[in-house]
PDB file of N, CA and C in Angstrom:
ATOM      1  N   MET A   1       1.738 -13.013  -6.933  1.00  0.00           N
ATOM      2  CA  MET A   1       2.333 -13.469  -5.697  1.00  0.00           C
ATOM      3  C   MET A   1       1.904 -14.903  -5.449  1.00  0.00           C
ATOM      4  N   PRO A   2       2.600 -15.858  -6.012  1.00  0.00           N
ATOM      5  CA  PRO A   2       2.232 -17.263  -5.844  1.00  0.00           C
ATOM      6  C   PRO A   2       2.047 -17.641  -4.375  1.00  0.00           C
ATOM      7  N   GLY A   3       0.976 -18.368  -4.094  1.00  0.00           N
ATOM      8  CA  GLY A   3       0.701 -18.817  -2.741  1.00  0.00           C
ATOM      9  C   GLY A   3      -0.082 -17.812  -1.909  1.00  0.00           C
ATOM     10  N   ASN A   4      -0.429 -16.692  -2.493  1.00  0.00           N
ATOM     11  CA  ASN A   4      -1.133 -15.636  -1.767  1.00  0.00           C
ATOM     12  C   ASN A   4      -2.440 -15.249  -2.460  1.00  0.00           C
ATOM     13  N   THR A   5      -3.161 -16.222  -2.974  1.00  0.00           N
ATOM     14  CA  THR A   5      -4.380 -15.958  -3.739  1.00  0.00           C
ATOM     15  C   THR A   5      -5.397 -15.139  -2.952  1.00  0.00           C
ATOM     16  N   ALA A   6      -5.694 -15.530  -1.730  1.00  0.00           N
ATOM     17  CA  ALA A   6      -6.708 -14.814  -0.948  1.00  0.00           C
ATOM     18  C   ALA A   6      -6.279 -13.373  -0.686  1.00  0.00           C
ATOM     19  N   TYR A   7      -5.022 -13.182  -0.368  1.00  0.00           N
ATOM     20  CA  TYR A   7      -4.495 -11.844  -0.131  1.00  0.00           C
ATOM     21  C   TYR A   7      -4.641 -10.984  -1.386  1.00  0.00           C
ATOM     22  N   CYS A   8      -4.233 -11.524  -2.518  1.00  0.00           N
ATOM     23  CA  CYS A   8      -4.300 -10.793  -3.780  1.00  0.00           C
ATOM     24  C   CYS A   8      -5.751 -10.477  -4.161  1.00  0.00           C
ATOM     25  N   LEU A   9      -6.631 -11.425  -3.928  1.00  0.00           N
ATOM     26  CA  LEU A   9      -8.045 -11.211  -4.223  1.00  0.00           C
ATOM     27  C   LEU A   9      -8.601 -10.064  -3.380  1.00  0.00           C
ATOM     28  N   SER A  10      -8.267 -10.034  -2.104  1.00  0.00           N
ATOM     29  CA  SER A  10      -8.774  -8.964  -1.238  1.00  0.00           C
ATOM     30  C   SER A  10      -8.207  -7.605  -1.643  1.00  0.00           C
ATOM     31  N   LYS A  11      -6.948  -7.563  -2.006  1.00  0.00           N
ATOM     32  CA  LYS A  11      -6.340  -6.298  -2.427  1.00  0.00           C
ATOM     33  C   LYS A  11      -6.942  -5.816  -3.742  1.00  0.00           C
ATOM     34  N   GLY A  12      -7.178  -6.731  -4.667  1.00  0.00           N
ATOM     35  CA  GLY A  12      -7.816  -6.371  -5.936  1.00  0.00           C
ATOM     36  C   GLY A  12      -9.236  -5.876  -5.717  1.00  0.00           C
ATOM     37  N   GLY A  13      -9.942  -6.516  -4.808  1.00  0.00           N
ATOM     38  CA  GLY A  13     -11.305  -6.086  -4.478  1.00  0.00           C
ATOM     39  C   GLY A  13     -11.321  -4.691  -3.886  1.00  0.00           C
ATOM     40  N   ALA A  14     -10.370  -4.395  -3.030  1.00  0.00           N
ATOM     41  CA  ALA A  14     -10.286  -3.061  -2.429  1.00  0.00           C
ATOM     42  C   ALA A  14     -10.008  -2.008  -3.499  1.00  0.00           C
ATOM     43  N   ARG A  15      -9.173  -2.332  -4.459  1.00  0.00           N
ATOM     44  CA  ARG A  15      -8.884  -1.379  -5.538  1.00  0.00           C
ATOM     45  C   ARG A  15     -10.121  -1.123  -6.384  1.00  0.00           C
ATOM     46  N   MET A  16     -10.866  -2.168  -6.709  1.00  0.00           N
ATOM     47  CA  MET A  16     -12.073  -1.981  -7.527  1.00  0.00           C
ATOM     48  C   MET A  16     -13.162  -1.254  -6.746  1.00  0.00           C
ATOM     49  N   LEU A  17     -13.302  -1.553  -5.461  1.00  0.00           N
ATOM     50  CA  LEU A  17     -14.265  -0.839  -4.621  1.00  0.00           C
ATOM     51  C   LEU A  17     -13.921   0.646  -4.590  1.00  0.00           C
ATOM     52  N   THR A  18     -12.647   0.966  -4.470  1.00  0.00           N
ATOM     53  CA  THR A  18     -12.206   2.359  -4.455  1.00  0.00           C
ATOM     54  C   THR A  18     -12.577   3.057  -5.757  1.00  0.00           C
ATOM     55  N   ARG A  19     -12.329   2.411  -6.871  1.00  0.00           N
ATOM     56  CA  ARG A  19     -12.644   3.010  -8.169  1.00  0.00           C
ATOM     57  C   ARG A  19     -14.143   3.255  -8.316  1.00  0.00           C
ATOM     58  N   THR A  20     -14.927   2.250  -7.966  1.00  0.00           N
ATOM     59  CA  THR A  20     -16.380   2.360  -8.112  1.00  0.00           C
ATOM     60  C   THR A  20     -16.954   3.393  -7.151  1.00  0.00           C
ATOM     61  N   ALA A  21     -16.552   3.341  -5.894  1.00  0.00           N
ATOM     62  CA  ALA A  21     -17.059   4.297  -4.900  1.00  0.00           C
ATOM     63  C   ALA A  21     -16.640   5.719  -5.256  1.00  0.00           C
ATOM     64  N   GLY A  22     -15.456   5.886  -5.787  1.00  0.00           N
ATOM     65  CA  GLY A  22     -15.008   7.217  -6.208  1.00  0.00           C
ATOM     66  C   GLY A  22     -15.905   7.791  -7.294  1.00  0.00           C
ATOM     67  N   GLN A  23     -16.319   6.936  -8.231  1.00  0.00           N
ATOM     68  CA  GLN A  23     -17.218   7.378  -9.305  1.00  0.00           C
ATOM     69  C   GLN A  23     -18.617   7.684  -8.774  1.00  0.00           C
ATOM     70  N   GLU A  24     -19.091   6.842  -7.893  1.00  0.00           N
ATOM     71  CA  GLU A  24     -20.449   7.008  -7.371  1.00  0.00           C
ATOM     72  C   GLU A  24     -20.565   8.175  -6.393  1.00  0.00           C
ATOM     73  N   LEU A  25     -19.559   8.387  -5.572  1.00  0.00           N
ATOM     74  CA  LEU A  25     -19.641   9.390  -4.518  1.00  0.00           C
ATOM     75  C   LEU A  25     -18.984  10.718  -4.857  1.00  0.00           C
ATOM     76  N   GLY A  26     -18.135  10.727  -5.869  1.00  0.00           N
ATOM     77  CA  GLY A  26     -17.476  11.962  -6.282  1.00  0.00           C
ATOM     78  C   GLY A  26     -18.445  13.109  -6.552  1.00  0.00           C
ATOM     79  N   PRO A  27     -19.535  12.861  -7.272  1.00  0.00           N
ATOM     80  CA  PRO A  27     -20.488  13.949  -7.531  1.00  0.00           C
ATOM     81  C   PRO A  27     -21.117  14.533  -6.264  1.00  0.00           C
ATOM     82  N   LYS A  28     -21.017  13.822  -5.166  1.00  0.00           N
ATOM     83  CA  LYS A  28     -21.551  14.310  -3.889  1.00  0.00           C
ATOM     84  C   LYS A  28     -20.463  14.990  -3.056  1.00  0.00           C
ATOM     85  N   GLY A  29     -19.284  15.156  -3.651  1.00  0.00           N
ATOM     86  CA  GLY A  29     -18.187  15.811  -2.942  1.00  0.00           C
ATOM     87  C   GLY A  29     -17.412  14.892  -2.014  1.00  0.00           C
ATOM     88  N   ILE A  30     -17.637  13.601  -2.148  1.00  0.00           N
ATOM     89  CA  ILE A  30     -16.944  12.635  -1.305  1.00  0.00           C
ATOM     90  C   ILE A  30     -15.840  11.979  -2.132  1.00  0.00           C
ATOM     91  N   ARG A  31     -14.613  12.124  -1.674  1.00  0.00           N
ATOM     92  CA  ARG A  31     -13.473  11.514  -2.359  1.00  0.00           C
ATOM     93  C   ARG A  31     -13.148  10.177  -1.720  1.00  0.00           C
ATOM     94  N   ILE A  32     -12.785   9.206  -2.537  1.00  0.00           N
ATOM     95  CA  ILE A  32     -12.397   7.886  -2.063  1.00  0.00           C
ATOM     96  C   ILE A  32     -10.985   7.603  -2.574  1.00  0.00           C
ATOM     97  N   VAL A  33     -10.070   7.386  -1.647  1.00  0.00           N
ATOM     98  CA  VAL A  33      -8.688   7.082  -2.015  1.00  0.00           C
ATOM     99  C   VAL A  33      -8.219   5.915  -1.150  1.00  0.00           C
ATOM    100  N   ASN A  34      -7.693   4.911  -1.793  1.00  0.00           N
ATOM    101  CA  ASN A  34      -7.155   3.736  -1.116  1.00  0.00           C
ATOM    102  C   ASN A  34      -5.636   3.910  -1.010  1.00  0.00           C
ATOM    103  N   VAL A  35      -5.073   3.571   0.123  1.00  0.00           N
ATOM    104  CA  VAL A  35      -3.622   3.592   0.291  1.00  0.00           C
ATOM    105  C   VAL A  35      -3.155   2.148   0.366  1.00  0.00           C
ATOM    106  N   GLY A  36      -2.221   1.798  -0.503  1.00  0.00           N
ATOM    107  CA  GLY A  36      -1.668   0.452  -0.545  1.00  0.00           C
ATOM    108  C   GLY A  36      -0.252   0.457   0.010  1.00  0.00           C
ATOM    109  N   PRO A  37      -0.095   0.213   1.311  1.00  0.00           N
ATOM    110  CA  PRO A  37       1.261   0.195   1.861  1.00  0.00           C
ATOM    111  C   PRO A  37       1.978  -1.106   1.507  1.00  0.00           C
ATOM    112  N   GLY A  38       3.268  -1.019   1.418  1.00  0.00           N
ATOM    113  CA  GLY A  38       4.073  -2.221   1.234  1.00  0.00           C
ATOM    114  C   GLY A  38       4.478  -2.761   2.592  1.00  0.00           C
ATOM    115  N   ALA A  39       5.674  -3.274   2.674  1.00  0.00           N
ATOM    116  CA  ALA A  39       6.199  -3.786   3.940  1.00  0.00           C
ATOM    117  C   ALA A  39       6.511  -2.601   4.854  1.00  0.00           C
ATOM    118  N   VAL A  40       5.937  -2.635   6.047  1.00  0.00           N
ATOM    119  CA  VAL A  40       6.106  -1.531   7.003  1.00  0.00           C
ATOM    120  C   VAL A  40       6.622  -2.109   8.318  1.00  0.00           C
ATOM    121  N   ALA A  41       7.510  -1.388   8.948  1.00  0.00           N
ATOM    122  CA  ALA A  41       8.099  -1.827  10.224  1.00  0.00           C
ATOM    123  C   ALA A  41       7.069  -1.688  11.348  1.00  0.00           C
ATOM    124  N   THR A  42       6.150  -2.652  11.409  1.00  0.00           N
ATOM    125  CA  THR A  42       5.102  -2.704  12.429  1.00  0.00           C
ATOM    126  C   THR A  42       5.071  -4.121  13.001  1.00  0.00           C
ATOM    127  N   PRO A  43       4.309  -4.334  14.061  1.00  0.00           N
ATOM    128  CA  PRO A  43       4.270  -5.668  14.671  1.00  0.00           C
ATOM    129  C   PRO A  43       3.889  -6.809  13.721  1.00  0.00           C
ATOM    130  N   ILE A  44       3.136  -6.533  12.659  1.00  0.00           N
ATOM    131  CA  ILE A  44       2.769  -7.619  11.739  1.00  0.00           C
ATOM    132  C   ILE A  44       4.011  -8.213  11.063  1.00  0.00           C
ATOM    133  N   ASN A  45       5.083  -7.448  11.006  1.00  0.00           N
ATOM    134  CA  ASN A  45       6.318  -7.910  10.367  1.00  0.00           C
ATOM    135  C   ASN A  45       7.422  -8.263  11.363  1.00  0.00           C
ATOM    136  N   THR A  46       7.060  -8.473  12.620  1.00  0.00           N
ATOM    137  CA  THR A  46       8.047  -8.767  13.661  1.00  0.00           C
ATOM    138  C   THR A  46       8.903  -9.985  13.318  1.00  0.00           C
ATOM    139  N   SER A  47       8.273 -11.068  12.858  1.00  0.00           N
ATOM    140  CA  SER A  47       9.057 -12.275  12.578  1.00  0.00           C
ATOM    141  C   SER A  47      10.017 -12.058  11.416  1.00  0.00           C
ATOM    142  N   THR A  48       9.612 -11.294  10.429  1.00  0.00           N
ATOM    143  CA  THR A  48      10.511 -10.996   9.310  1.00  0.00           C
ATOM    144  C   THR A  48      11.660 -10.111   9.786  1.00  0.00           C
ATOM    145  N   MET A  49      11.344  -9.090  10.568  1.00  0.00           N
ATOM    146  CA  MET A  49      12.382  -8.173  11.041  1.00  0.00           C
ATOM    147  C   MET A  49      13.380  -8.858  11.968  1.00  0.00           C
ATOM    148  N   ALA A  50      12.954  -9.926  12.639  1.00  0.00           N
ATOM    149  CA  ALA A  50      13.839 -10.653  13.563  1.00  0.00           C
ATOM    150  C   ALA A  50      14.769 -11.627  12.854  1.00  0.00           C
ATOM    151  N   ASP A  51      14.530 -11.860  11.574  1.00  0.00           N
ATOM    152  CA  ASP A  51      15.316 -12.844  10.826  1.00  0.00           C
ATOM    153  C   ASP A  51      16.153 -12.126   9.766  1.00  0.00           C
ATOM    154  N   PRO A  52      17.457 -12.012   9.968  1.00  0.00           N
ATOM    155  CA  PRO A  52      18.310 -11.282   9.022  1.00  0.00           C
ATOM    156  C   PRO A  52      18.220 -11.801   7.587  1.00  0.00           C
ATOM    157  N   GLU A  53      18.063 -13.097   7.424  1.00  0.00           N
ATOM    158  CA  GLU A  53      17.969 -13.649   6.066  1.00  0.00           C
ATOM    159  C   GLU A  53      16.664 -13.217   5.383  1.00  0.00           C
ATOM    160  N   LYS A  54      15.551 -13.262   6.129  1.00  0.00           N
ATOM    161  CA  LYS A  54      14.271 -12.803   5.563  1.00  0.00           C
ATOM    162  C   LYS A  54      14.325 -11.320   5.232  1.00  0.00           C
ATOM    163  N   MET A  55      14.952 -10.544   6.096  1.00  0.00           N
ATOM    164  CA  MET A  55      15.072  -9.107   5.837  1.00  0.00           C
ATOM    165  C   MET A  55      15.917  -8.840   4.597  1.00  0.00           C
ATOM    166  N   LYS A  56      16.958  -9.616   4.413  1.00  0.00           N
ATOM    167  CA  LYS A  56      17.806  -9.433   3.234  1.00  0.00           C
ATOM    168  C   LYS A  56      17.008  -9.706   1.961  1.00  0.00           C
ATOM    169  N   VAL A  57      16.215 -10.779   1.965  1.00  0.00           N
ATOM    170  CA  VAL A  57      15.391 -11.113   0.801  1.00  0.00           C
ATOM    171  C   VAL A  57      14.375  -9.998   0.549  1.00  0.00           C
ATOM    172  N   LEU A  58      13.708  -9.558   1.612  1.00  0.00           N
ATOM    173  CA  LEU A  58      12.704  -8.509   1.463  1.00  0.00           C
ATOM    174  C   LEU A  58      13.332  -7.208   0.985  1.00  0.00           C
ATOM    175  N   ASP A  59      14.389  -6.775   1.630  1.00  0.00           N
ATOM    176  CA  ASP A  59      15.039  -5.522   1.238  1.00  0.00           C
ATOM    177  C   ASP A  59      15.525  -5.571  -0.204  1.00  0.00           C
ATOM    178  N   THR A  60      15.980  -6.723  -0.638  1.00  0.00           N
ATOM    179  CA  THR A  60      16.427  -6.880  -2.025  1.00  0.00           C
ATOM    180  C   THR A  60      15.255  -6.755  -3.000  1.00  0.00           C
ATOM    181  N   ALA A  61      14.081  -7.208  -2.589  1.00  0.00           N
ATOM    182  CA  ALA A  61      12.899  -7.164  -3.453  1.00  0.00           C
ATOM    183  C   ALA A  61      12.304  -5.759  -3.565  1.00  0.00           C
ATOM    184  N   ILE A  62      12.592  -4.900  -2.608  1.00  0.00           N
ATOM    185  CA  ILE A  62      12.055  -3.540  -2.613  1.00  0.00           C
ATOM    186  C   ILE A  62      13.040  -2.633  -3.344  1.00  0.00           C
ATOM    187  N   PRO A  63      12.619  -2.024  -4.447  1.00  0.00           N
ATOM    188  CA  PRO A  63      13.555  -1.180  -5.185  1.00  0.00           C
ATOM    189  C   PRO A  63      14.239  -0.092  -4.353  1.00  0.00           C
ATOM    190  N   LEU A  64      13.564   0.442  -3.333  1.00  0.00           N
ATOM    191  CA  LEU A  64      14.222   1.432  -2.477  1.00  0.00           C
ATOM    192  C   LEU A  64      15.085   0.784  -1.403  1.00  0.00           C
ATOM    193  N   GLY A  65      15.070  -0.552  -1.329  1.00  0.00           N
ATOM    194  CA  GLY A  65      16.015  -1.296  -0.496  1.00  0.00           C
ATOM    195  C   GLY A  65      15.726  -1.386   0.982  1.00  0.00           C
ATOM    196  N   ARG A  66      14.500  -1.037   1.409  1.00  0.00           N
ATOM    197  CA  ARG A  66      14.204  -1.102   2.836  1.00  0.00           C
ATOM    198  C   ARG A  66      12.699  -1.080   3.064  1.00  0.00           C
ATOM    199  N   MET A  67      12.316  -1.506   4.283  1.00  0.00           N
ATOM    200  CA  MET A  67      10.943  -1.408   4.738  1.00  0.00           C
ATOM    201  C   MET A  67      10.594   0.048   5.023  1.00  0.00           C
ATOM    202  N   ALA A  68       9.312   0.359   4.935  1.00  0.00           N
ATOM    203  CA  ALA A  68       8.853   1.704   5.292  1.00  0.00           C
ATOM    204  C   ALA A  68       8.728   1.846   6.799  1.00  0.00           C
ATOM    205  N   GLU A  69       8.834   3.061   7.253  1.00  0.00           N
ATOM    206  CA  GLU A  69       8.512   3.404   8.633  1.00  0.00           C
ATOM    207  C   GLU A  69       7.033   3.804   8.665  1.00  0.00           C
ATOM    208  N   PRO A  70       6.321   3.535   9.746  1.00  0.00           N
ATOM    209  CA  PRO A  70       4.906   3.914   9.817  1.00  0.00           C
ATOM    210  C   PRO A  70       4.661   5.389   9.503  1.00  0.00           C
ATOM    211  N   SER A  71       5.563   6.246   9.910  1.00  0.00           N
ATOM    212  CA  SER A  71       5.397   7.685   9.662  1.00  0.00           C
ATOM    213  C   SER A  71       5.385   8.014   8.173  1.00  0.00           C
ATOM    214  N   GLU A  72       6.051   7.192   7.358  1.00  0.00           N
ATOM    215  CA  GLU A  72       6.060   7.436   5.914  1.00  0.00           C
ATOM    216  C   GLU A  72       4.691   7.156   5.298  1.00  0.00           C
ATOM    217  N   ILE A  73       3.994   6.172   5.828  1.00  0.00           N
ATOM    218  CA  ILE A  73       2.634   5.886   5.360  1.00  0.00           C
ATOM    219  C   ILE A  73       1.699   6.982   5.867  1.00  0.00           C
ATOM    220  N   ALA A  74       1.863   7.350   7.128  1.00  0.00           N
ATOM    221  CA  ALA A  74       1.009   8.374   7.736  1.00  0.00           C
ATOM    222  C   ALA A  74       1.125   9.710   7.006  1.00  0.00           C
ATOM    223  N   SER A  75       2.310  10.061   6.570  1.00  0.00           N
ATOM    224  CA  SER A  75       2.475  11.349   5.889  1.00  0.00           C
ATOM    225  C   SER A  75       1.741  11.375   4.549  1.00  0.00           C
ATOM    226  N   VAL A  76       1.678  10.239   3.877  1.00  0.00           N
ATOM    227  CA  VAL A  76       0.918  10.170   2.623  1.00  0.00           C
ATOM    228  C   VAL A  76      -0.574  10.290   2.910  1.00  0.00           C
ATOM    229  N   VAL A  77      -1.047   9.608   3.946  1.00  0.00           N
ATOM    230  CA  VAL A  77      -2.465   9.696   4.321  1.00  0.00           C
ATOM    231  C   VAL A  77      -2.809  11.141   4.692  1.00  0.00           C
ATOM    232  N   ALA A  78      -1.942  11.810   5.442  1.00  0.00           N
ATOM    233  CA  ALA A  78      -2.194  13.201   5.814  1.00  0.00           C
ATOM    234  C   ALA A  78      -2.260  14.096   4.574  1.00  0.00           C
ATOM    235  N   PHE A  79      -1.372  13.871   3.631  1.00  0.00           N
ATOM    236  CA  PHE A  79      -1.405  14.634   2.374  1.00  0.00           C
ATOM    237  C   PHE A  79      -2.733  14.416   1.647  1.00  0.00           C
ATOM    238  N   LEU A  80      -3.131  13.157   1.532  1.00  0.00           N
ATOM    239  CA  LEU A  80      -4.368  12.844   0.817  1.00  0.00           C
ATOM    240  C   LEU A  80      -5.597  13.451   1.499  1.00  0.00           C
ATOM    241  N   ALA A  81      -5.573  13.524   2.817  1.00  0.00           N
ATOM    242  CA  ALA A  81      -6.705  14.077   3.567  1.00  0.00           C
ATOM    243  C   ALA A  81      -6.716  15.604   3.545  1.00  0.00           C
ATOM    244  N   GLY A  82      -5.607  16.203   3.206  1.00  0.00           N
ATOM    245  CA  GLY A  82      -5.499  17.659   3.225  1.00  0.00           C
ATOM    246  C   GLY A  82      -5.754  18.281   1.871  1.00  0.00           C
ATOM    247  N   ASP A  83      -5.452  19.571   1.781  1.00  0.00           N
ATOM    248  CA  ASP A  83      -5.679  20.328   0.549  1.00  0.00           C
ATOM    249  C   ASP A  83      -4.880  19.779  -0.629  1.00  0.00           C
ATOM    250  N   GLY A  84      -3.700  19.222  -0.359  1.00  0.00           N
ATOM    251  CA  GLY A  84      -2.871  18.685  -1.436  1.00  0.00           C
ATOM    252  C   GLY A  84      -3.538  17.548  -2.191  1.00  0.00           C
ATOM    253  N   GLY A  85      -4.402  16.807  -1.511  1.00  0.00           N
ATOM    254  CA  GLY A  85      -5.082  15.677  -2.135  1.00  0.00           C
ATOM    255  C   GLY A  85      -6.495  15.992  -2.590  1.00  0.00           C
ATOM    256  N   ALA A  86      -6.849  17.260  -2.634  1.00  0.00           N
ATOM    257  CA  ALA A  86      -8.235  17.662  -2.908  1.00  0.00           C
ATOM    258  C   ALA A  86      -8.767  17.209  -4.270  1.00  0.00           C
ATOM    259  N   TYR A  87      -7.880  16.930  -5.218  1.00  0.00           N
ATOM    260  CA  TYR A  87      -8.337  16.539  -6.551  1.00  0.00           C
ATOM    261  C   TYR A  87      -7.977  15.096  -6.874  1.00  0.00           C
ATOM    262  N   ILE A  88      -7.735  14.315  -5.845  1.00  0.00           N
ATOM    263  CA  ILE A  88      -7.420  12.895  -6.018  1.00  0.00           C
ATOM    264  C   ILE A  88      -8.651  12.106  -5.591  1.00  0.00           C
ATOM    265  N   ASN A  89      -9.116  11.234  -6.472  1.00  0.00           N
ATOM    266  CA  ASN A  89     -10.335  10.476  -6.191  1.00  0.00           C
ATOM    267  C   ASN A  89     -10.354   9.181  -6.994  1.00  0.00           C
ATOM    268  N   GLY A  90     -10.884   8.141  -6.384  1.00  0.00           N
ATOM    269  CA  GLY A  90     -11.142   6.890  -7.092  1.00  0.00           C
ATOM    270  C   GLY A  90      -9.894   6.119  -7.493  1.00  0.00           C
ATOM    271  N   THR A  91      -8.849   6.250  -6.739  1.00  0.00           N
ATOM    272  CA  THR A  91      -7.603   5.582  -7.103  1.00  0.00           C
ATOM    273  C   THR A  91      -6.915   5.006  -5.870  1.00  0.00           C
ATOM    274  N   THR A  92      -5.905   4.193  -6.137  1.00  0.00           N
ATOM    275  CA  THR A  92      -5.068   3.643  -5.076  1.00  0.00           C
ATOM    276  C   THR A  92      -3.691   4.262  -5.188  1.00  0.00           C
ATOM    277  N   VAL A  93      -3.186   4.737  -4.075  1.00  0.00           N
ATOM    278  CA  VAL A  93      -1.833   5.277  -4.006  1.00  0.00           C
ATOM    279  C   VAL A  93      -0.974   4.237  -3.294  1.00  0.00           C
ATOM    280  N   PHE A  94       0.009   3.725  -4.012  1.00  0.00           N
ATOM    281  CA  PHE A  94       0.886   2.704  -3.443  1.00  0.00           C
ATOM    282  C   PHE A  94       2.083   3.369  -2.787  1.00  0.00           C
ATOM    283  N   VAL A  95       2.269   3.055  -1.520  1.00  0.00           N
ATOM    284  CA  VAL A  95       3.380   3.589  -0.739  1.00  0.00           C
ATOM    285  C   VAL A  95       4.202   2.374  -0.324  1.00  0.00           C
ATOM    286  N   ASP A  96       4.963   1.858  -1.274  1.00  0.00           N
ATOM    287  CA  ASP A  96       5.591   0.553  -1.075  1.00  0.00           C
ATOM    288  C   ASP A  96       7.044   0.475  -1.551  1.00  0.00           C
ATOM    289  N   GLY A  97       7.648   1.619  -1.836  1.00  0.00           N
ATOM    290  CA  GLY A  97       9.038   1.606  -2.278  1.00  0.00           C
ATOM    291  C   GLY A  97       9.242   0.912  -3.607  1.00  0.00           C
ATOM    292  N   GLY A  98       8.152   0.675  -4.354  1.00  0.00           N
ATOM    293  CA  GLY A  98       8.226  -0.020  -5.631  1.00  0.00           C
ATOM    294  C   GLY A  98       8.016  -1.525  -5.538  1.00  0.00           C
ATOM    295  N   LEU A  99       7.715  -2.033  -4.352  1.00  0.00           N
ATOM    296  CA  LEU A  99       7.578  -3.483  -4.124  1.00  0.00           C
ATOM    297  C   LEU A  99       6.510  -4.119  -5.010  1.00  0.00           C
ATOM    298  N   MET A 100       5.388  -3.422  -5.204  1.00  0.00           N
ATOM    299  CA  MET A 100       4.301  -4.002  -5.979  1.00  0.00           C
ATOM    300  C   MET A 100       4.743  -4.430  -7.369  1.00  0.00           C
ATOM    301  N   HIS A 101       5.642  -3.701  -7.936  1.00  0.00           N
ATOM    302  CA  HIS A 101       6.063  -3.996  -9.300  1.00  0.00           C
ATOM    303  C   HIS A 101       7.018  -5.167  -9.396  1.00  0.00           C
ATOM    304  N   SER A 102       7.589  -5.567  -8.256  1.00  0.00           N
ATOM    305  CA  SER A 102       8.501  -6.710  -8.300  1.00  0.00           C
ATOM    306  C   SER A 102       7.816  -8.020  -7.939  1.00  0.00           C
ATOM    307  N   SER A 103       6.732  -7.971  -7.151  1.00  0.00           N
ATOM    308  CA  SER A 103       5.927  -9.125  -6.767  1.00  0.00           C
ATOM    309  C   SER A 103       6.750 -10.368  -6.437  1.00  0.00           C
ATOM    310  N   PRO A 104       7.532 -10.301  -5.350  1.00  0.00           N
ATOM    311  CA  PRO A 104       8.413 -11.409  -5.025  1.00  0.00           C
ATOM    312  C   PRO A 104       7.731 -12.643  -4.463  1.00  0.00           C
ATOM    313  N   GLY A 105       6.472 -12.540  -4.054  1.00  0.00           N
ATOM    314  CA  GLY A 105       5.778 -13.690  -3.496  1.00  0.00           C
ATOM    315  C   GLY A 105       6.348 -14.147  -2.160  1.00  0.00           C
ATOM    316  N   LEU A 106       6.752 -13.201  -1.346  1.00  0.00           N
ATOM    317  CA  LEU A 106       7.357 -13.537  -0.054  1.00  0.00           C
ATOM    318  C   LEU A 106       6.332 -14.114   0.868  1.00  0.00           C
TER     319      LEU A 106
END
């Protein structure tokens, strides 16, 4: 994502922290799972959502063609916290409609 070095560095650090903490804490029964949301219809994206041209560029970059709703991220977190996620540890789950793989540098 050209122009977003600090952002990318922080996200990479969070992924590595998740992997390491999962290995260190797993034997104690503590699971560590990072959730990597993509573009979500929340106040942080108000300026993008208010601009039809920016939304068109963003929606085009997301393979599923749209921003996520907050409830879609929440449902993944609820799954991970429940019995369904009981054997998931030390990883990042991306809930981004495939955006990470396109890396548009928006």
